Amino acid sequence: MDARPTGDHAGWTRDAYSSVEADATGGVYSNALGAESAARVRAAYGSNYDRLREVKRRWDPDNLFRLNQNIDPS
């Protein structure tokens, strides 16, 4: 069974996505992250990730504040 949605709304959504896909940056909006993989969190913070990890190591080495879009200090 094909789990992809069908119908006019699904086709419209696919067409809309296709029309803007070329302009997409591939980035991730950090406020929209939930329980994401470490790779998605890294993508959200981009070139700032390594610097943010150093800040986290200094100020929260035990990872107490981990229920957000977490940057693992380890």
PDB file of N, CA and C in Angstrom:
ATOM      1  N   MET A   1       0.836  -1.181   0.000  1.00  0.00           N
ATOM      2  CA  MET A   1       0.000   0.000   0.000  1.00  0.00           C
ATOM      3  C   MET A   1       0.880   1.242   0.000  1.00  0.00           C
ATOM      4  N   ASP A   2       0.545   2.202  -0.830  1.00  0.00           N
ATOM      5  CA  ASP A   2       1.283   3.462  -0.917  1.00  0.00           C
ATOM      6  C   ASP A   2       0.801   4.385   0.198  1.00  0.00           C
ATOM      7  N   ALA A   3       1.708   4.777   1.075  1.00  0.00           N
ATOM      8  CA  ALA A   3       1.330   5.628   2.212  1.00  0.00           C
ATOM      9  C   ALA A   3       1.316   7.112   1.861  1.00  0.00           C
ATOM     10  N   ARG A   4       1.706   7.457   0.637  1.00  0.00           N
ATOM     11  CA  ARG A   4       1.709   8.867   0.253  1.00  0.00           C
ATOM     12  C   ARG A   4       0.289   9.388   0.100  1.00  0.00           C
ATOM     13  N   PRO A   5       0.037  10.604   0.593  1.00  0.00           N
ATOM     14  CA  PRO A   5      -1.301  11.195   0.430  1.00  0.00           C
ATOM     15  C   PRO A   5      -1.625  11.407  -1.043  1.00  0.00           C
ATOM     16  N   THR A   6      -2.884  11.318  -1.370  1.00  0.00           N
ATOM     17  CA  THR A   6      -3.324  11.532  -2.746  1.00  0.00           C
ATOM     18  C   THR A   6      -4.406  12.604  -2.758  1.00  0.00           C
ATOM     19  N   GLY A   7      -4.825  12.961  -3.939  1.00  0.00           N
ATOM     20  CA  GLY A   7      -5.894  13.946  -4.079  1.00  0.00           C
ATOM     21  C   GLY A   7      -5.342  15.296  -4.494  1.00  0.00           C
ATOM     22  N   ASP A   8      -6.249  16.224  -4.724  1.00  0.00           N
ATOM     23  CA  ASP A   8      -5.871  17.553  -5.195  1.00  0.00           C
ATOM     24  C   ASP A   8      -4.936  18.271  -4.228  1.00  0.00           C
ATOM     25  N   HIS A   9      -5.228  18.189  -2.923  1.00  0.00           N
ATOM     26  CA  HIS A   9      -4.398  18.903  -1.949  1.00  0.00           C
ATOM     27  C   HIS A   9      -2.973  18.358  -1.924  1.00  0.00           C
ATOM     28  N   ALA A  10      -2.818  17.050  -2.082  1.00  0.00           N
ATOM     29  CA  ALA A  10      -1.478  16.464  -2.082  1.00  0.00           C
ATOM     30  C   ALA A  10      -0.720  16.870  -3.342  1.00  0.00           C
ATOM     31  N   GLY A  11      -1.391  16.849  -4.473  1.00  0.00           N
ATOM     32  CA  GLY A  11      -0.746  17.258  -5.727  1.00  0.00           C
ATOM     33  C   GLY A  11      -0.343  18.722  -5.699  1.00  0.00           C
ATOM     34  N   TRP A  12      -1.232  19.566  -5.166  1.00  0.00           N
ATOM     35  CA  TRP A  12      -0.926  20.990  -5.061  1.00  0.00           C
ATOM     36  C   TRP A  12       0.293  21.202  -4.170  1.00  0.00           C
ATOM     37  N   THR A  13       0.349  20.490  -3.058  1.00  0.00           N
ATOM     38  CA  THR A  13       1.473  20.631  -2.132  1.00  0.00           C
ATOM     39  C   THR A  13       2.777  20.203  -2.791  1.00  0.00           C
ATOM     40  N   ARG A  14       2.772  19.085  -3.488  1.00  0.00           N
ATOM     41  CA  ARG A  14       3.981  18.634  -4.182  1.00  0.00           C
ATOM     42  C   ARG A  14       4.417  19.644  -5.246  1.00  0.00           C
ATOM     43  N   ASP A  15       3.461  20.166  -6.006  1.00  0.00           N
ATOM     44  CA  ASP A  15       3.791  21.157  -7.037  1.00  0.00           C
ATOM     45  C   ASP A  15       4.367  22.431  -6.418  1.00  0.00           C
ATOM     46  N   ALA A  16       3.769  22.884  -5.319  1.00  0.00           N
ATOM     47  CA  ALA A  16       4.265  24.090  -4.645  1.00  0.00           C
ATOM     48  C   ALA A  16       5.685  23.867  -4.135  1.00  0.00           C
ATOM     49  N   TYR A  17       5.920  22.718  -3.527  1.00  0.00           N
ATOM     50  CA  TYR A  17       7.262  22.412  -3.018  1.00  0.00           C
ATOM     51  C   TYR A  17       8.273  22.359  -4.165  1.00  0.00           C
ATOM     52  N   SER A  18       7.908  21.727  -5.253  1.00  0.00           N
ATOM     53  CA  SER A  18       8.811  21.628  -6.401  1.00  0.00           C
ATOM     54  C   SER A  18       9.175  22.999  -6.952  1.00  0.00           C
ATOM     55  N   SER A  19       8.229  23.930  -6.911  1.00  0.00           N
ATOM     56  CA  SER A  19       8.493  25.255  -7.480  1.00  0.00           C
ATOM     57  C   SER A  19       9.448  26.091  -6.624  1.00  0.00           C
ATOM     58  N   VAL A  20       9.554  25.808  -5.330  1.00  0.00           N
ATOM     59  CA  VAL A  20      10.458  26.583  -4.472  1.00  0.00           C
ATOM     60  C   VAL A  20      11.703  25.800  -4.054  1.00  0.00           C
ATOM     61  N   GLU A  21      11.748  24.523  -4.368  1.00  0.00           N
ATOM     62  CA  GLU A  21      12.848  23.666  -3.921  1.00  0.00           C
ATOM     63  C   GLU A  21      14.210  24.168  -4.393  1.00  0.00           C
ATOM     64  N   ALA A  22      14.291  24.705  -5.582  1.00  0.00           N
ATOM     65  CA  ALA A  22      15.567  25.182  -6.115  1.00  0.00           C
ATOM     66  C   ALA A  22      16.137  26.336  -5.296  1.00  0.00           C
ATOM     67  N   ASP A  23      15.284  27.093  -4.626  1.00  0.00           N
ATOM     68  CA  ASP A  23      15.732  28.231  -3.827  1.00  0.00           C
ATOM     69  C   ASP A  23      15.946  27.889  -2.360  1.00  0.00           C
ATOM     70  N   ALA A  24      15.677  26.661  -1.977  1.00  0.00           N
ATOM     71  CA  ALA A  24      15.836  26.251  -0.582  1.00  0.00           C
ATOM     72  C   ALA A  24      17.320  26.195  -0.213  1.00  0.00           C
ATOM     73  N   THR A  25      17.623  26.554   0.993  1.00  0.00           N
ATOM     74  CA  THR A  25      19.012  26.572   1.446  1.00  0.00           C
ATOM     75  C   THR A  25      19.456  25.247   2.037  1.00  0.00           C
ATOM     76  N   GLY A  26      18.505  24.398   2.401  1.00  0.00           N
ATOM     77  CA  GLY A  26      18.850  23.152   3.063  1.00  0.00           C
ATOM     78  C   GLY A  26      19.014  23.322   4.558  1.00  0.00           C
ATOM     79  N   GLY A  27      18.792  24.538   5.044  1.00  0.00           N
ATOM     80  CA  GLY A  27      18.933  24.814   6.466  1.00  0.00           C
ATOM     81  C   GLY A  27      17.747  24.317   7.267  1.00  0.00           C
ATOM     82  N   VAL A  28      17.851  24.472   8.548  1.00  0.00           N
ATOM     83  CA  VAL A  28      16.814  24.018   9.466  1.00  0.00           C
ATOM     84  C   VAL A  28      16.466  25.191  10.380  1.00  0.00           C
ATOM     85  N   TYR A  29      15.189  25.406  10.619  1.00  0.00           N
ATOM     86  CA  TYR A  29      14.741  26.455  11.526  1.00  0.00           C
ATOM     87  C   TYR A  29      14.784  25.901  12.936  1.00  0.00           C
ATOM     88  N   SER A  30      15.629  26.448  13.782  1.00  0.00           N
ATOM     89  CA  SER A  30      15.865  25.863  15.103  1.00  0.00           C
ATOM     90  C   SER A  30      14.639  25.861  15.997  1.00  0.00           C
ATOM     91  N   ASN A  31      13.743  26.825  15.858  1.00  0.00           N
ATOM     92  CA  ASN A  31      12.550  26.845  16.710  1.00  0.00           C
ATOM     93  C   ASN A  31      11.538  25.776  16.322  1.00  0.00           C
ATOM     94  N   ALA A  32      11.710  25.155  15.174  1.00  0.00           N
ATOM     95  CA  ALA A  32      10.783  24.118  14.739  1.00  0.00           C
ATOM     96  C   ALA A  32      11.307  22.717  15.044  1.00  0.00           C
ATOM     97  N   LEU A  33      12.458  22.615  15.675  1.00  0.00           N
ATOM     98  CA  LEU A  33      13.011  21.306  16.001  1.00  0.00           C
ATOM     99  C   LEU A  33      12.302  20.712  17.206  1.00  0.00           C
ATOM    100  N   GLY A  34      12.137  19.424  17.179  1.00  0.00           N
ATOM    101  CA  GLY A  34      11.605  18.687  18.320  1.00  0.00           C
ATOM    102  C   GLY A  34      12.686  17.742  18.802  1.00  0.00           C
ATOM    103  N   ALA A  35      12.347  16.481  18.876  1.00  0.00           N
ATOM    104  CA  ALA A  35      13.318  15.450  19.258  1.00  0.00           C
ATOM    105  C   ALA A  35      14.039  15.011  17.985  1.00  0.00           C
ATOM    106  N   GLU A  36      14.929  15.862  17.529  1.00  0.00           N
ATOM    107  CA  GLU A  36      15.609  15.637  16.255  1.00  0.00           C
ATOM    108  C   GLU A  36      16.949  14.948  16.453  1.00  0.00           C
ATOM    109  N   SER A  37      17.500  14.485  15.381  1.00  0.00           N
ATOM    110  CA  SER A  37      18.823  13.876  15.420  1.00  0.00           C
ATOM    111  C   SER A  37      19.880  14.962  15.616  1.00  0.00           C
ATOM    112  N   ALA A  38      21.037  14.533  16.057  1.00  0.00           N
ATOM    113  CA  ALA A  38      22.147  15.471  16.264  1.00  0.00           C
ATOM    114  C   ALA A  38      22.516  16.175  14.959  1.00  0.00           C
ATOM    115  N   ALA A  39      22.386  15.491  13.844  1.00  0.00           N
ATOM    116  CA  ALA A  39      22.722  16.101  12.543  1.00  0.00           C
ATOM    117  C   ALA A  39      21.776  17.254  12.215  1.00  0.00           C
ATOM    118  N   ARG A  40      20.493  17.111  12.535  1.00  0.00           N
ATOM    119  CA  ARG A  40      19.532  18.194  12.274  1.00  0.00           C
ATOM    120  C   ARG A  40      19.787  19.391  13.181  1.00  0.00           C
ATOM    121  N   VAL A  41      20.159  19.124  14.434  1.00  0.00           N
ATOM    122  CA  VAL A  41      20.481  20.216  15.352  1.00  0.00           C
ATOM    123  C   VAL A  41      21.722  20.949  14.841  1.00  0.00           C
ATOM    124  N   ARG A  42      22.735  20.200  14.412  1.00  0.00           N
ATOM    125  CA  ARG A  42      23.953  20.810  13.861  1.00  0.00           C
ATOM    126  C   ARG A  42      23.607  21.657  12.634  1.00  0.00           C
ATOM    127  N   ALA A  43      22.750  21.159  11.775  1.00  0.00           N
ATOM    128  CA  ALA A  43      22.356  21.905  10.573  1.00  0.00           C
ATOM    129  C   ALA A  43      21.626  23.192  10.942  1.00  0.00           C
ATOM    130  N   ALA A  44      20.834  23.163  12.000  1.00  0.00           N
ATOM    131  CA  ALA A  44      20.084  24.346  12.411  1.00  0.00           C
ATOM    132  C   ALA A  44      21.005  25.476  12.839  1.00  0.00           C
ATOM    133  N   TYR A  45      22.079  25.138  13.521  1.00  0.00           N
ATOM    134  CA  TYR A  45      22.994  26.163  14.032  1.00  0.00           C
ATOM    135  C   TYR A  45      24.134  26.466  13.069  1.00  0.00           C
ATOM    136  N   GLY A  46      24.289  25.669  12.045  1.00  0.00           N
ATOM    137  CA  GLY A  46      25.267  25.938  10.996  1.00  0.00           C
ATOM    138  C   GLY A  46      26.676  26.162  11.505  1.00  0.00           C
ATOM    139  N   SER A  47      27.297  27.217  11.017  1.00  0.00           N
ATOM    140  CA  SER A  47      28.702  27.495  11.353  1.00  0.00           C
ATOM    141  C   SER A  47      28.876  27.925  12.809  1.00  0.00           C
ATOM    142  N   ASN A  48      27.799  28.210  13.516  1.00  0.00           N
ATOM    143  CA  ASN A  48      27.880  28.589  14.930  1.00  0.00           C
ATOM    144  C   ASN A  48      27.898  27.391  15.874  1.00  0.00           C
ATOM    145  N   TYR A  49      27.640  26.204  15.357  1.00  0.00           N
ATOM    146  CA  TYR A  49      27.485  25.032  16.209  1.00  0.00           C
ATOM    147  C   TYR A  49      28.708  24.769  17.088  1.00  0.00           C
ATOM    148  N   ASP A  50      29.891  24.767  16.513  1.00  0.00           N
ATOM    149  CA  ASP A  50      31.106  24.467  17.290  1.00  0.00           C
ATOM    150  C   ASP A  50      31.335  25.499  18.392  1.00  0.00           C
ATOM    151  N   ARG A  51      31.091  26.762  18.095  1.00  0.00           N
ATOM    152  CA  ARG A  51      31.237  27.815  19.108  1.00  0.00           C
ATOM    153  C   ARG A  51      30.202  27.647  20.212  1.00  0.00           C
ATOM    154  N   LEU A  52      28.976  27.309  19.850  1.00  0.00           N
ATOM    155  CA  LEU A  52      27.935  27.080  20.845  1.00  0.00           C
ATOM    156  C   LEU A  52      28.243  25.863  21.711  1.00  0.00           C
ATOM    157  N   ARG A  53      28.848  24.864  21.132  1.00  0.00           N
ATOM    158  CA  ARG A  53      29.236  23.683  21.905  1.00  0.00           C
ATOM    159  C   ARG A  53      30.288  24.051  22.956  1.00  0.00           C
ATOM    160  N   GLU A  54      31.217  24.911  22.593  1.00  0.00           N
ATOM    161  CA  GLU A  54      32.227  25.355  23.564  1.00  0.00           C
ATOM    162  C   GLU A  54      31.577  26.131  24.706  1.00  0.00           C
ATOM    163  N   VAL A  55      30.621  26.972  24.397  1.00  0.00           N
ATOM    164  CA  VAL A  55      29.892  27.714  25.441  1.00  0.00           C
ATOM    165  C   VAL A  55      29.149  26.732  26.342  1.00  0.00           C
ATOM    166  N   LYS A  56      28.525  25.742  25.739  1.00  0.00           N
ATOM    167  CA  LYS A  56      27.790  24.739  26.515  1.00  0.00           C
ATOM    168  C   LYS A  56      28.741  23.960  27.425  1.00  0.00           C
ATOM    169  N   ARG A  57      29.906  23.604  26.930  1.00  0.00           N
ATOM    170  CA  ARG A  57      30.889  22.888  27.757  1.00  0.00           C
ATOM    171  C   ARG A  57      31.291  23.711  28.975  1.00  0.00           C
ATOM    172  N   ARG A  58      31.406  25.015  28.782  1.00  0.00           N
ATOM    173  CA  ARG A  58      31.854  25.885  29.864  1.00  0.00           C
ATOM    174  C   ARG A  58      30.755  26.119  30.896  1.00  0.00           C
ATOM    175  N   TRP A  59      29.517  26.379  30.426  1.00  0.00           N
ATOM    176  CA  TRP A  59      28.459  26.823  31.323  1.00  0.00           C
ATOM    177  C   TRP A  59      27.480  25.721  31.731  1.00  0.00           C
ATOM    178  N   ASP A  60      27.422  24.645  30.993  1.00  0.00           N
ATOM    179  CA  ASP A  60      26.504  23.548  31.321  1.00  0.00           C
ATOM    180  C   ASP A  60      27.149  22.203  30.993  1.00  0.00           C
ATOM    181  N   PRO A  61      28.281  21.890  31.620  1.00  0.00           N
ATOM    182  CA  PRO A  61      29.009  20.660  31.277  1.00  0.00           C
ATOM    183  C   PRO A  61      28.236  19.385  31.598  1.00  0.00           C
ATOM    184  N   ASP A  62      27.292  19.444  32.541  1.00  0.00           N
ATOM    185  CA  ASP A  62      26.502  18.261  32.883  1.00  0.00           C
ATOM    186  C   ASP A  62      25.226  18.150  32.052  1.00  0.00           C
ATOM    187  N   ASN A  63      25.043  19.070  31.125  1.00  0.00           N
ATOM    188  CA  ASN A  63      23.910  19.072  30.201  1.00  0.00           C
ATOM    189  C   ASN A  63      22.565  19.120  30.935  1.00  0.00           C
ATOM    190  N   LEU A  64      22.499  19.932  31.982  1.00  0.00           N
ATOM    191  CA  LEU A  64      21.260  20.103  32.737  1.00  0.00           C
ATOM    192  C   LEU A  64      20.148  20.653  31.842  1.00  0.00           C
ATOM    193  N   PHE A  65      20.474  21.636  31.009  1.00  0.00           N
ATOM    194  CA  PHE A  65      19.499  22.257  30.104  1.00  0.00           C
ATOM    195  C   PHE A  65      19.508  21.506  28.774  1.00  0.00           C
ATOM    196  N   ARG A  66      18.865  20.345  28.753  1.00  0.00           N
ATOM    197  CA  ARG A  66      18.918  19.466  27.590  1.00  0.00           C
ATOM    198  C   ARG A  66      17.552  19.237  26.955  1.00  0.00           C
ATOM    199  N   LEU A  67      16.513  19.872  27.474  1.00  0.00           N
ATOM    200  CA  LEU A  67      15.174  19.619  26.969  1.00  0.00           C
ATOM    201  C   LEU A  67      14.781  20.581  25.859  1.00  0.00           C
ATOM    202  N   ASN A  68      15.716  21.263  25.305  1.00  0.00           N
ATOM    203  CA  ASN A  68      15.481  22.165  24.196  1.00  0.00           C
ATOM    204  C   ASN A  68      16.139  21.567  22.954  1.00  0.00           C
ATOM    205  N   GLN A  69      16.409  22.375  21.968  1.00  0.00           N
ATOM    206  CA  GLN A  69      17.152  21.918  20.791  1.00  0.00           C
ATOM    207  C   GLN A  69      18.601  21.766  21.258  1.00  0.00           C
ATOM    208  N   ASN A  70      18.876  20.649  21.862  1.00  0.00           N
ATOM    209  CA  ASN A  70      20.085  20.447  22.638  1.00  0.00           C
ATOM    210  C   ASN A  70      21.372  20.411  21.817  1.00  0.00           C
ATOM    211  N   ILE A  71      22.357  21.088  22.343  1.00  0.00           N
ATOM    212  CA  ILE A  71      23.722  20.968  21.867  1.00  0.00           C
ATOM    213  C   ILE A  71      24.452  20.177  22.929  1.00  0.00           C
ATOM    214  N   ASP A  72      24.845  18.978  22.591  1.00  0.00           N
ATOM    215  CA  ASP A  72      25.516  18.098  23.546  1.00  0.00           C
ATOM    216  C   ASP A  72      26.916  18.637  23.823  1.00  0.00           C
ATOM    217  N   PRO A  73      27.257  18.866  25.094  1.00  0.00           N
ATOM    218  CA  PRO A  73      28.569  19.444  25.403  1.00  0.00           C
ATOM    219  C   PRO A  73      29.725  18.456  25.260  1.00  0.00           C
ATOM    220  N   SER A  74      29.449  17.180  25.126  1.00  0.00           N
ATOM    221  CA  SER A  74      30.547  16.204  25.083  1.00  0.00           C
ATOM    222  C   SER A  74      31.250  16.127  23.762  1.00  0.00           C
TER     223      SER A  74
END
